[in-house]
Protein backbone atom coordinates (compact mmCIF):
# COMPACT_ATOMS: atom_id res chain seq x y z
CA MET A 1 0.09 0.02 -0.07
CA THR A 2 1.44 3.63 -0.90
CA GLU A 3 1.34 6.24 1.26
CA GLN A 4 -0.93 9.09 0.28
CA LYS A 5 0.79 12.62 0.67
CA LYS A 6 -1.65 15.59 1.75
CA TYR A 7 -1.81 18.43 -1.08
CA ASP A 8 -0.54 21.81 0.50
CA ASN A 9 -2.72 24.25 -1.13
CA ASN A 10 -1.89 27.24 0.96
CA ASN A 11 -1.42 30.69 -0.63
CA GLU A 12 -2.99 29.25 -3.97
CA ILE A 13 -6.08 30.13 -6.03
CA ALA A 14 -8.23 28.33 -8.37
CA ILE A 15 -10.67 30.29 -10.67
CA TRP A 16 -12.77 28.91 -13.61
CA GLY A 17 -15.36 30.32 -16.03
CA ASN A 18 -18.84 31.60 -14.15
CA ASP A 19 -21.34 29.39 -15.90
CA ARG A 20 -24.11 31.41 -13.68
CA LYS A 21 -23.40 34.97 -15.01
CA ASN A 22 -26.59 36.57 -15.67
CA LYS A 23 -26.01 40.12 -15.65
CA PRO A 24 -22.98 42.17 -16.89
CA THR A 25 -22.26 42.93 -13.25
CA ASP A 26 -21.79 39.07 -12.22
CA PRO A 27 -18.11 38.03 -11.81
CA ASP A 28 -16.58 36.28 -15.34
CA PHE A 29 -15.07 33.69 -13.13
CA LYS A 30 -15.60 32.09 -9.67
CA GLY A 31 -13.25 29.94 -7.34
CA ASN A 32 -11.46 29.24 -4.20
CA ALA A 33 -8.54 30.44 -2.39
CA THR A 34 -6.50 29.35 0.77
CA VAL A 35 -4.40 32.28 2.00
CA ASP A 36 -2.57 32.00 5.45
CA GLY A 37 -4.74 29.10 6.04
CA LYS A 38 -8.17 30.69 5.64
CA GLU A 39 -10.43 29.71 2.81
CA TYR A 40 -11.76 32.19 0.66
CA TRP A 41 -14.40 32.91 -2.34
CA VAL A 42 -12.82 34.10 -5.03
CA SER A 43 -14.70 36.52 -7.75
CA ALA A 44 -13.03 38.04 -10.86
CA TRP A 45 -14.03 40.21 -13.73
CA LYS A 46 -12.41 40.76 -17.29
CA ARG A 47 -11.19 44.40 -17.67
CA ASP A 48 -11.23 45.99 -20.83
CA GLU A 49 -8.75 48.98 -19.59
CA GLY A 50 -5.11 48.29 -19.80
CA ALA A 51 -5.50 44.80 -21.85
CA ASN A 52 -3.35 43.80 -24.53
CA GLU A 53 -3.20 41.18 -27.08
CA ARG A 54 -1.15 38.53 -25.11
CA ALA A 55 -2.88 38.55 -21.78
CA PRO A 56 -6.36 39.66 -20.41
CA VAL A 57 -6.70 42.08 -17.42
CA LEU A 58 -8.39 40.62 -14.39
CA LYS A 59 -9.66 42.31 -11.06
CA ALA A 60 -10.41 39.95 -8.20
CA LYS A 61 -12.12 40.09 -5.17
CA LEU A 62 -11.73 37.50 -1.90
CA THR A 63 -14.27 36.93 0.43
CA LEU A 64 -13.73 35.08 3.38
CA LYS A 65 -15.81 31.70 3.33
CA ASP A 66 -16.79 31.72 7.35
CA GLN A 67 -18.09 35.26 7.01
CA PRO A 68 -22.04 35.49 7.05
CA LYS A 69 -23.13 37.03 3.70
CA ASP A 70 -25.02 39.80 4.86
CA GLN A 71 -21.66 41.08 6.61
CA ALA A 72 -19.78 40.61 3.27
CA GLN A 73 -20.37 44.01 1.91
CA TYR A 74 -19.23 45.50 5.32
CA THR A 75 -15.72 44.14 5.68
CA ASN A 76 -13.97 47.12 4.47
CA THR A 77 -16.05 49.96 6.27
CA ALA A 78 -15.16 52.09 9.16
CA PRO A 79 -17.01 51.49 12.41
CA ALA A 80 -19.85 53.79 13.03
CA ASP A 81 -19.39 56.69 15.31
CA PRO A 82 -20.09 55.82 19.06
CA VAL A 83 -23.38 57.11 20.40
CA GLN A 84 -23.48 59.76 22.82
CA VAL A 85 -25.52 58.97 25.77
CA THR A 86 -26.17 62.31 28.21
CA ASN A 87 -28.56 62.57 31.18
CA ASP A 88 -30.82 64.52 29.33
CA SER A 89 -31.54 61.62 26.99
CA ILE A 90 -32.60 59.13 29.70
CA PRO A 91 -36.36 58.89 30.21
CA PHE A 92 -36.07 58.21 33.84
């Protein structure tokens, strides 16, 4: 019996064509990435600006897989201003 080696895919990205693209803003490519041991979803778009004959230009976004979908859009935003509470605002 041969010993199977575990494949280390840390710091690697795999993408493929998005067969569920329904509108122009949907990613052209989807995939997976593992960066420093954390798993991410990859979304990538073809870009026309800066492209040349030999290679397309891609813009990609990584979204942490463990992150709730409704929180994904808020990952790079600054925290909200703290609420100021004064004695005048307390009803008792």
